[in-house]
């Protein structure tokens, strides 16, 4: 089953600030996650249905939440990992 992709407004602003290269890298990974969003190795601790996508070489992270009832992958935050800031932003949203 394929999930649809949605963004929080603030996450969409963060997405638009990314370089085209980073967006393409995230798009490829998101396409895989829309087919299978529940990846145990990418699950964030403390949050039941939140996961991350890492671009290790660039140091960027994307945090998303899986909403099975609506069949939606909701992007919560996008940003650099610097001091886990992207994860703190996601927790506040």
PDB file of N, CA and C in Angstrom:
ATOM      1  N   UNK A   1       0.842  -1.166   0.000  1.00  0.00           N
ATOM      2  CA  UNK A   1       0.000   0.000   0.000  1.00  0.00           C
ATOM      3  C   UNK A   1       0.897   1.242   0.000  1.00  0.00           C
ATOM      4  N   UNK A   2       0.602   2.180  -0.871  1.00  0.00           N
ATOM      5  CA  UNK A   2       1.382   3.405  -0.962  1.00  0.00           C
ATOM      6  C   UNK A   2       0.738   4.493  -0.120  1.00  0.00           C
ATOM      7  N   UNK A   3       1.553   5.132   0.696  1.00  0.00           N
ATOM      8  CA  UNK A   3       1.103   6.241   1.534  1.00  0.00           C
ATOM      9  C   UNK A   3       1.226   7.540   0.748  1.00  0.00           C
ATOM     10  N   UNK A   4       0.407   8.519   1.098  1.00  0.00           N
ATOM     11  CA  UNK A   4       0.550   9.839   0.484  1.00  0.00           C
ATOM     12  C   UNK A   4       1.476  10.684   1.351  1.00  0.00           C
ATOM     13  N   UNK A   5       2.027  11.726   0.768  1.00  0.00           N
ATOM     14  CA  UNK A   5       3.001  12.574   1.450  1.00  0.00           C
ATOM     15  C   UNK A   5       2.389  13.938   1.731  1.00  0.00           C
ATOM     16  N   UNK A   6       2.535  14.394   2.971  1.00  0.00           N
ATOM     17  CA  UNK A   6       2.076  15.722   3.363  1.00  0.00           C
ATOM     18  C   UNK A   6       3.168  16.383   4.191  1.00  0.00           C
ATOM     19  N   UNK A   7       3.130  17.706   4.237  1.00  0.00           N
ATOM     20  CA  UNK A   7       4.101  18.490   5.005  1.00  0.00           C
ATOM     21  C   UNK A   7       3.368  19.402   5.975  1.00  0.00           C
ATOM     22  N   UNK A   8       3.926  19.565   7.170  1.00  0.00           N
ATOM     23  CA  UNK A   8       3.499  20.672   8.016  1.00  0.00           C
ATOM     24  C   UNK A   8       3.937  21.942   7.293  1.00  0.00           C
ATOM     25  N   UNK A   9       3.209  23.044   7.474  1.00  0.00           N
ATOM     26  CA  UNK A   9       3.560  24.286   6.781  1.00  0.00           C
ATOM     27  C   UNK A   9       5.005  24.696   7.039  1.00  0.00           C
ATOM     28  N   UNK A  10       5.424  24.629   8.284  1.00  0.00           N
ATOM     29  CA  UNK A  10       6.790  25.047   8.627  1.00  0.00           C
ATOM     30  C   UNK A  10       7.825  24.094   8.035  1.00  0.00           C
ATOM     31  N   UNK A  11       7.504  22.818   7.961  1.00  0.00           N
ATOM     32  CA  UNK A  11       8.422  21.848   7.348  1.00  0.00           C
ATOM     33  C   UNK A  11       8.525  22.090   5.841  1.00  0.00           C
ATOM     34  N   UNK A  12       7.424  22.521   5.225  1.00  0.00           N
ATOM     35  CA  UNK A  12       7.449  22.829   3.792  1.00  0.00           C
ATOM     36  C   UNK A  12       8.356  24.028   3.524  1.00  0.00           C
ATOM     37  N   UNK A  13       8.344  25.016   4.406  1.00  0.00           N
ATOM     38  CA  UNK A  13       9.249  26.166   4.267  1.00  0.00           C
ATOM     39  C   UNK A  13      10.703  25.710   4.370  1.00  0.00           C
ATOM     40  N   UNK A  14      10.972  24.809   5.323  1.00  0.00           N
ATOM     41  CA  UNK A  14      12.328  24.274   5.471  1.00  0.00           C
ATOM     42  C   UNK A  14      12.735  23.499   4.218  1.00  0.00           C
ATOM     43  N   UNK A  15      11.803  22.731   3.671  1.00  0.00           N
ATOM     44  CA  UNK A  15      12.042  21.942   2.459  1.00  0.00           C
ATOM     45  C   UNK A  15      12.423  22.852   1.296  1.00  0.00           C
ATOM     46  N   UNK A  16      11.693  23.950   1.144  1.00  0.00           N
ATOM     47  CA  UNK A  16      11.943  24.868   0.028  1.00  0.00           C
ATOM     48  C   UNK A  16      13.288  25.582   0.143  1.00  0.00           C
ATOM     49  N   UNK A  17      13.837  25.662   1.342  1.00  0.00           N
ATOM     50  CA  UNK A  17      15.144  26.301   1.545  1.00  0.00           C
ATOM     51  C   UNK A  17      16.306  25.375   1.187  1.00  0.00           C
ATOM     52  N   UNK A  18      16.031  24.093   1.037  1.00  0.00           N
ATOM     53  CA  UNK A  18      17.085  23.130   0.699  1.00  0.00           C
ATOM     54  C   UNK A  18      17.566  23.338  -0.731  1.00  0.00           C
ATOM     55  N   UNK A  19      18.798  22.983  -0.976  1.00  0.00           N
ATOM     56  CA  UNK A  19      19.324  23.045  -2.342  1.00  0.00           C
ATOM     57  C   UNK A  19      18.629  21.970  -3.183  1.00  0.00           C
ATOM     58  N   UNK A  20      18.561  22.175  -4.492  1.00  0.00           N
ATOM     59  CA  UNK A  20      17.927  21.165  -5.357  1.00  0.00           C
ATOM     60  C   UNK A  20      18.556  19.779  -5.217  1.00  0.00           C
ATOM     61  N   UNK A  21      19.856  19.720  -5.002  1.00  0.00           N
ATOM     62  CA  UNK A  21      20.541  18.433  -4.843  1.00  0.00           C
ATOM     63  C   UNK A  21      20.042  17.695  -3.608  1.00  0.00           C
ATOM     64  N   UNK A  22      19.940  18.413  -2.484  1.00  0.00           N
ATOM     65  CA  UNK A  22      19.449  17.783  -1.255  1.00  0.00           C
ATOM     66  C   UNK A  22      17.999  17.341  -1.405  1.00  0.00           C
ATOM     67  N   UNK A  23      17.188  18.177  -2.046  1.00  0.00           N
ATOM     68  CA  UNK A  23      15.777  17.804  -2.250  1.00  0.00           C
ATOM     69  C   UNK A  23      15.670  16.521  -3.056  1.00  0.00           C
ATOM     70  N   UNK A  24      16.490  16.383  -4.100  1.00  0.00           N
ATOM     71  CA  UNK A  24      16.455  15.171  -4.922  1.00  0.00           C
ATOM     72  C   UNK A  24      16.854  13.942  -4.113  1.00  0.00           C
ATOM     73  N   UNK A  25      17.861  14.085  -3.272  1.00  0.00           N
ATOM     74  CA  UNK A  25      18.281  12.956  -2.439  1.00  0.00           C
ATOM     75  C   UNK A  25      17.165  12.555  -1.479  1.00  0.00           C
ATOM     76  N   UNK A  26      16.528  13.545  -0.853  1.00  0.00           N
ATOM     77  CA  UNK A  26      15.415  13.245   0.045  1.00  0.00           C
ATOM     78  C   UNK A  26      14.234  12.645  -0.722  1.00  0.00           C
ATOM     79  N   UNK A  27      13.968  13.134  -1.935  1.00  0.00           N
ATOM     80  CA  UNK A  27      12.846  12.615  -2.731  1.00  0.00           C
ATOM     81  C   UNK A  27      13.008  11.121  -3.000  1.00  0.00           C
ATOM     82  N   UNK A  28      14.233  10.709  -3.321  1.00  0.00           N
ATOM     83  CA  UNK A  28      14.483   9.289  -3.590  1.00  0.00           C
ATOM     84  C   UNK A  28      14.191   8.444  -2.353  1.00  0.00           C
ATOM     85  N   UNK A  29      14.665   8.922  -1.210  1.00  0.00           N
ATOM     86  CA  UNK A  29      14.438   8.168   0.031  1.00  0.00           C
ATOM     87  C   UNK A  29      12.967   8.207   0.432  1.00  0.00           C
ATOM     88  N   UNK A  30      12.314   9.350   0.233  1.00  0.00           N
ATOM     89  CA  UNK A  30      10.890   9.451   0.566  1.00  0.00           C
ATOM     90  C   UNK A  30      10.052   8.517  -0.303  1.00  0.00           C
ATOM     91  N   UNK A  31      10.409   8.379  -1.570  1.00  0.00           N
ATOM     92  CA  UNK A  31       9.671   7.473  -2.458  1.00  0.00           C
ATOM     93  C   UNK A  31       9.709   6.048  -1.909  1.00  0.00           C
ATOM     94  N   UNK A  32      10.862   5.633  -1.388  1.00  0.00           N
ATOM     95  CA  UNK A  32      10.968   4.302  -0.781  1.00  0.00           C
ATOM     96  C   UNK A  32      10.110   4.213   0.476  1.00  0.00           C
ATOM     97  N   UNK A  33      10.140   5.268   1.274  1.00  0.00           N
ATOM     98  CA  UNK A  33       9.409   5.258   2.544  1.00  0.00           C
ATOM     99  C   UNK A  33       7.900   5.317   2.344  1.00  0.00           C
ATOM    100  N   UNK A  34       7.441   5.864   1.233  1.00  0.00           N
ATOM    101  CA  UNK A  34       6.001   5.879   0.980  1.00  0.00           C
ATOM    102  C   UNK A  34       5.480   4.471   0.727  1.00  0.00           C
ATOM    103  N   UNK A  35       6.344   3.589   0.265  1.00  0.00           N
ATOM    104  CA  UNK A  35       5.973   2.183   0.073  1.00  0.00           C
ATOM    105  C   UNK A  35       6.027   1.414   1.387  1.00  0.00           C
ATOM    106  N   UNK A  36       7.023   1.717   2.214  1.00  0.00           N
ATOM    107  CA  UNK A  36       7.202   1.036   3.492  1.00  0.00           C
ATOM    108  C   UNK A  36       7.703   2.051   4.524  1.00  0.00           C
ATOM    109  N   UNK A  37       6.795   2.800   5.157  1.00  0.00           N
ATOM    110  CA  UNK A  37       7.222   3.879   6.056  1.00  0.00           C
ATOM    111  C   UNK A  37       7.723   3.423   7.423  1.00  0.00           C
ATOM    112  N   UNK A  38       7.358   2.226   7.849  1.00  0.00           N
ATOM    113  CA  UNK A  38       7.742   1.743   9.181  1.00  0.00           C
ATOM    114  C   UNK A  38       9.083   1.008   9.107  1.00  0.00           C
ATOM    115  N   UNK A  39      10.172   1.761   9.245  1.00  0.00           N
ATOM    116  CA  UNK A  39      11.521   1.198   9.201  1.00  0.00           C
ATOM    117  C   UNK A  39      12.050   1.185  10.633  1.00  0.00           C
ATOM    118  N   UNK A  40      12.130   0.009  11.250  1.00  0.00           N
ATOM    119  CA  UNK A  40      12.532  -0.054  12.664  1.00  0.00           C
ATOM    120  C   UNK A  40      13.862   0.635  12.974  1.00  0.00           C
ATOM    121  N   UNK A  41      14.828   0.534  12.083  1.00  0.00           N
ATOM    122  CA  UNK A  41      16.135   1.146  12.337  1.00  0.00           C
ATOM    123  C   UNK A  41      16.080   2.673  12.313  1.00  0.00           C
ATOM    124  N   UNK A  42      15.063   3.245  11.677  1.00  0.00           N
ATOM    125  CA  UNK A  42      14.954   4.699  11.556  1.00  0.00           C
ATOM    126  C   UNK A  42      13.992   5.303  12.573  1.00  0.00           C
ATOM    127  N   UNK A  43      13.418   4.466  13.425  1.00  0.00           N
ATOM    128  CA  UNK A  43      12.433   4.951  14.400  1.00  0.00           C
ATOM    129  C   UNK A  43      13.098   5.838  15.439  1.00  0.00           C
ATOM    130  N   UNK A  44      12.433   6.943  15.782  1.00  0.00           N
ATOM    131  CA  UNK A  44      12.940   7.841  16.816  1.00  0.00           C
ATOM    132  C   UNK A  44      12.494   7.337  18.176  1.00  0.00           C
ATOM    133  N   UNK A  45      13.391   7.364  19.115  1.00  0.00           N
ATOM    134  CA  UNK A  45      13.034   6.911  20.459  1.00  0.00           C
ATOM    135  C   UNK A  45      12.123   7.933  21.122  1.00  0.00           C
ATOM    136  N   UNK A  46      11.169   7.443  21.874  1.00  0.00           N
ATOM    137  CA  UNK A  46      10.267   8.318  22.612  1.00  0.00           C
ATOM    138  C   UNK A  46       9.014   8.707  21.857  1.00  0.00           C
ATOM    139  N   UNK A  47       9.003   8.552  20.558  1.00  0.00           N
ATOM    140  CA  UNK A  47       7.829   8.898  19.758  1.00  0.00           C
ATOM    141  C   UNK A  47       7.367   7.645  19.024  1.00  0.00           C
ATOM    142  N   UNK A  48       6.113   7.323  19.180  1.00  0.00           N
ATOM    143  CA  UNK A  48       5.594   6.055  18.684  1.00  0.00           C
ATOM    144  C   UNK A  48       5.677   5.896  17.166  1.00  0.00           C
ATOM    145  N   UNK A  49       5.259   6.894  16.413  1.00  0.00           N
ATOM    146  CA  UNK A  49       5.179   6.741  14.961  1.00  0.00           C
ATOM    147  C   UNK A  49       6.051   7.745  14.220  1.00  0.00           C
ATOM    148  N   UNK A  50       7.169   8.144  14.818  1.00  0.00           N
ATOM    149  CA  UNK A  50       8.066   9.096  14.157  1.00  0.00           C
ATOM    150  C   UNK A  50       9.361   8.407  13.754  1.00  0.00           C
ATOM    151  N   UNK A  51       9.813   8.774  12.556  1.00  0.00           N
ATOM    152  CA  UNK A  51      10.998   8.172  11.964  1.00  0.00           C
ATOM    153  C   UNK A  51      11.868   9.261  11.347  1.00  0.00           C
ATOM    154  N   UNK A  52      13.102   8.898  11.000  1.00  0.00           N
ATOM    155  CA  UNK A  52      14.010   9.857  10.387  1.00  0.00           C
ATOM    156  C   UNK A  52      14.574   9.296   9.094  1.00  0.00           C
ATOM    157  N   UNK A  53      14.960  10.216   8.236  1.00  0.00           N
ATOM    158  CA  UNK A  53      15.733   9.895   7.044  1.00  0.00           C
ATOM    159  C   UNK A  53      17.017  10.693   7.171  1.00  0.00           C
ATOM    160  N   UNK A  54      18.150  10.012   7.008  1.00  0.00           N
ATOM    161  CA  UNK A  54      19.445  10.667   7.173  1.00  0.00           C
ATOM    162  C   UNK A  54      20.150  10.789   5.829  1.00  0.00           C
ATOM    163  N   UNK A  55      20.693  11.967   5.577  1.00  0.00           N
ATOM    164  CA  UNK A  55      21.637  12.156   4.482  1.00  0.00           C
ATOM    165  C   UNK A  55      22.985  12.372   5.155  1.00  0.00           C
ATOM    166  N   UNK A  56      23.689  11.297   5.393  1.00  0.00           N
ATOM    167  CA  UNK A  56      24.916  11.360   6.192  1.00  0.00           C
ATOM    168  C   UNK A  56      25.966  12.293   5.613  1.00  0.00           C
ATOM    169  N   UNK A  57      26.183  12.212   4.316  1.00  0.00           N
ATOM    170  CA  UNK A  57      27.247  13.020   3.708  1.00  0.00           C
ATOM    171  C   UNK A  57      26.976  14.515   3.839  1.00  0.00           C
ATOM    172  N   UNK A  58      25.710  14.911   3.812  1.00  0.00           N
ATOM    173  CA  UNK A  58      25.351  16.329   3.905  1.00  0.00           C
ATOM    174  C   UNK A  58      25.047  16.749   5.335  1.00  0.00           C
ATOM    175  N   UNK A  59      24.812  15.783   6.219  1.00  0.00           N
ATOM    176  CA  UNK A  59      24.500  16.113   7.607  1.00  0.00           C
ATOM    177  C   UNK A  59      23.076  16.590   7.816  1.00  0.00           C
ATOM    178  N   UNK A  60      22.176  16.257   6.898  1.00  0.00           N
ATOM    179  CA  UNK A  60      20.779  16.683   7.012  1.00  0.00           C
ATOM    180  C   UNK A  60      19.899  15.530   7.457  1.00  0.00           C
ATOM    181  N   UNK A  61      18.803  15.886   8.116  1.00  0.00           N
ATOM    182  CA  UNK A  61      17.824  14.914   8.590  1.00  0.00           C
ATOM    183  C   UNK A  61      16.423  15.382   8.211  1.00  0.00           C
ATOM    184  N   UNK A  62      15.550  14.425   7.979  1.00  0.00           N
ATOM    185  CA  UNK A  62      14.136  14.686   7.753  1.00  0.00           C
ATOM    186  C   UNK A  62      13.383  13.814   8.747  1.00  0.00           C
ATOM    187  N   UNK A  63      12.495  14.422   9.517  1.00  0.00           N
ATOM    188  CA  UNK A  63      11.707  13.693  10.511  1.00  0.00           C
ATOM    189  C   UNK A  63      10.274  13.625  10.001  1.00  0.00           C
ATOM    190  N   UNK A  64       9.719  12.411   9.987  1.00  0.00           N
ATOM    191  CA  UNK A  64       8.340  12.250   9.531  1.00  0.00           C
ATOM    192  C   UNK A  64       7.551  11.404  10.507  1.00  0.00           C
ATOM    193  N   UNK A  65       6.249  11.559  10.415  1.00  0.00           N
ATOM    194  CA  UNK A  65       5.322  10.824  11.271  1.00  0.00           C
ATOM    195  C   UNK A  65       4.397  10.006  10.383  1.00  0.00           C
ATOM    196  N   UNK A  66       4.168   8.773  10.749  1.00  0.00           N
ATOM    197  CA  UNK A  66       3.292   7.893   9.981  1.00  0.00           C
ATOM    198  C   UNK A  66       1.909   7.908  10.619  1.00  0.00           C
ATOM    199  N   UNK A  67       0.915   8.225   9.807  1.00  0.00           N
ATOM    200  CA  UNK A  67      -0.475   8.221  10.261  1.00  0.00           C
ATOM    201  C   UNK A  67      -1.199   7.126   9.486  1.00  0.00           C
ATOM    202  N   UNK A  68      -1.221   5.936  10.073  1.00  0.00           N
ATOM    203  CA  UNK A  68      -1.774   4.770   9.383  1.00  0.00           C
ATOM    204  C   UNK A  68      -3.259   4.907   9.071  1.00  0.00           C
ATOM    205  N   UNK A  69      -4.016   5.552   9.953  1.00  0.00           N
ATOM    206  CA  UNK A  69      -5.460   5.675   9.744  1.00  0.00           C
ATOM    207  C   UNK A  69      -5.773   6.455   8.468  1.00  0.00           C
ATOM    208  N   UNK A  70      -4.968   7.493   8.175  1.00  0.00           N
ATOM    209  CA  UNK A  70      -5.186   8.304   6.976  1.00  0.00           C
ATOM    210  C   UNK A  70      -4.280   7.873   5.820  1.00  0.00           C
ATOM    211  N   UNK A  71      -3.427   6.889   6.041  1.00  0.00           N
ATOM    212  CA  UNK A  71      -2.453   6.407   5.059  1.00  0.00           C
ATOM    213  C   UNK A  71      -1.603   7.592   4.575  1.00  0.00           C
ATOM    214  N   UNK A  72      -0.997   8.298   5.547  1.00  0.00           N
ATOM    215  CA  UNK A  72      -0.232   9.512   5.262  1.00  0.00           C
ATOM    216  C   UNK A  72       1.129   9.444   5.944  1.00  0.00           C
ATOM    217  N   UNK A  73       2.136   9.919   5.239  1.00  0.00           N
ATOM    218  CA  UNK A  73       3.447  10.188   5.822  1.00  0.00           C
ATOM    219  C   UNK A  73       3.531  11.708   5.916  1.00  0.00           C
ATOM    220  N   UNK A  74       3.623  12.220   7.135  1.00  0.00           N
ATOM    221  CA  UNK A  74       3.618  13.662   7.391  1.00  0.00           C
ATOM    222  C   UNK A  74       5.026  14.114   7.762  1.00  0.00           C
ATOM    223  N   UNK A  75       5.602  14.996   6.953  1.00  0.00           N
ATOM    224  CA  UNK A  75       6.941  15.517   7.238  1.00  0.00           C
ATOM    225  C   UNK A  75       6.816  16.575   8.327  1.00  0.00           C
ATOM    226  N   UNK A  76       7.555  16.377   9.421  1.00  0.00           N
ATOM    227  CA  UNK A  76       7.486  17.238  10.597  1.00  0.00           C
ATOM    228  C   UNK A  76       8.586  18.292  10.579  1.00  0.00           C
ATOM    229  N   UNK A  77       9.813  17.910  10.219  1.00  0.00           N
ATOM    230  CA  UNK A  77      10.950  18.835  10.252  1.00  0.00           C
ATOM    231  C   UNK A  77      12.022  18.391   9.268  1.00  0.00           C
ATOM    232  N   UNK A  78      12.731  19.377   8.722  1.00  0.00           N
ATOM    233  CA  UNK A  78      13.848  19.130   7.818  1.00  0.00           C
ATOM    234  C   UNK A  78      14.961  20.087   8.218  1.00  0.00           C
ATOM    235  N   UNK A  79      16.175  19.572   8.373  1.00  0.00           N
ATOM    236  CA  UNK A  79      17.273  20.477   8.710  1.00  0.00           C
ATOM    237  C   UNK A  79      18.559  19.753   9.003  1.00  0.00           C
ATOM    238  N   UNK A  80      19.571  20.545   9.344  1.00  0.00           N
ATOM    239  CA  UNK A  80      20.874  19.987   9.708  1.00  0.00           C
ATOM    240  C   UNK A  80      20.786  19.321  11.070  1.00  0.00           C
ATOM    241  N   UNK A  81      21.639  18.367  11.284  1.00  0.00           N
ATOM    242  CA  UNK A  81      21.627  17.623  12.537  1.00  0.00           C
ATOM    243  C   UNK A  81      22.266  18.420  13.671  1.00  0.00           C
ATOM    244  N   UNK A  82      22.982  19.472  13.387  1.00  0.00           N
ATOM    245  CA  UNK A  82      23.727  20.273  14.366  1.00  0.00           C
ATOM    246  C   UNK A  82      23.132  20.210  15.765  1.00  0.00           C
ATOM    247  N   UNK A  83      23.823  19.492  16.648  1.00  0.00           N
ATOM    248  CA  UNK A  83      23.391  19.408  18.042  1.00  0.00           C
ATOM    249  C   UNK A  83      21.992  18.863  18.213  1.00  0.00           C
ATOM    250  N   UNK A  84      21.553  18.016  17.324  1.00  0.00           N
ATOM    251  CA  UNK A  84      20.211  17.418  17.378  1.00  0.00           C
ATOM    252  C   UNK A  84      19.093  18.451  17.251  1.00  0.00           C
ATOM    253  N   UNK A  85      19.380  19.629  16.717  1.00  0.00           N
ATOM    254  CA  UNK A  85      18.381  20.701  16.635  1.00  0.00           C
ATOM    255  C   UNK A  85      17.147  20.276  15.841  1.00  0.00           C
ATOM    256  N   UNK A  86      17.344  19.550  14.744  1.00  0.00           N
ATOM    257  CA  UNK A  86      16.192  19.137  13.941  1.00  0.00           C
ATOM    258  C   UNK A  86      15.258  18.232  14.752  1.00  0.00           C
ATOM    259  N   UNK A  87      15.823  17.420  15.638  1.00  0.00           N
ATOM    260  CA  UNK A  87      14.995  16.541  16.468  1.00  0.00           C
ATOM    261  C   UNK A  87      14.252  17.340  17.540  1.00  0.00           C
ATOM    262  N   UNK A  88      14.904  18.367  18.081  1.00  0.00           N
ATOM    263  CA  UNK A  88      14.237  19.227  19.064  1.00  0.00           C
ATOM    264  C   UNK A  88      13.088  19.998  18.408  1.00  0.00           C
ATOM    265  N   UNK A  89      13.309  20.468  17.183  1.00  0.00           N
ATOM    266  CA  UNK A  89      12.247  21.158  16.448  1.00  0.00           C
ATOM    267  C   UNK A  89      11.065  20.220  16.234  1.00  0.00           C
ATOM    268  N   UNK A  90      11.349  18.992  15.851  1.00  0.00           N
ATOM    269  CA  UNK A  90      10.282  18.017  15.605  1.00  0.00           C
ATOM    270  C   UNK A  90       9.489  17.747  16.878  1.00  0.00           C
ATOM    271  N   UNK A  91      10.161  17.673  18.012  1.00  0.00           N
ATOM    272  CA  UNK A  91       9.465  17.420  19.277  1.00  0.00           C
ATOM    273  C   UNK A  91       8.552  18.568  19.674  1.00  0.00           C
ATOM    274  N   UNK A  92       8.894  19.782  19.250  1.00  0.00           N
ATOM    275  CA  UNK A  92       8.056  20.935  19.580  1.00  0.00           C
ATOM    276  C   UNK A  92       6.850  21.050  18.663  1.00  0.00           C
ATOM    277  N   UNK A  93       6.813  20.279  17.585  1.00  0.00           N
ATOM    278  CA  UNK A  93       5.717  20.400  16.605  1.00  0.00           C
ATOM    279  C   UNK A  93       4.705  19.306  16.775  1.00  0.00           C
TER     280      UNK A  93
END
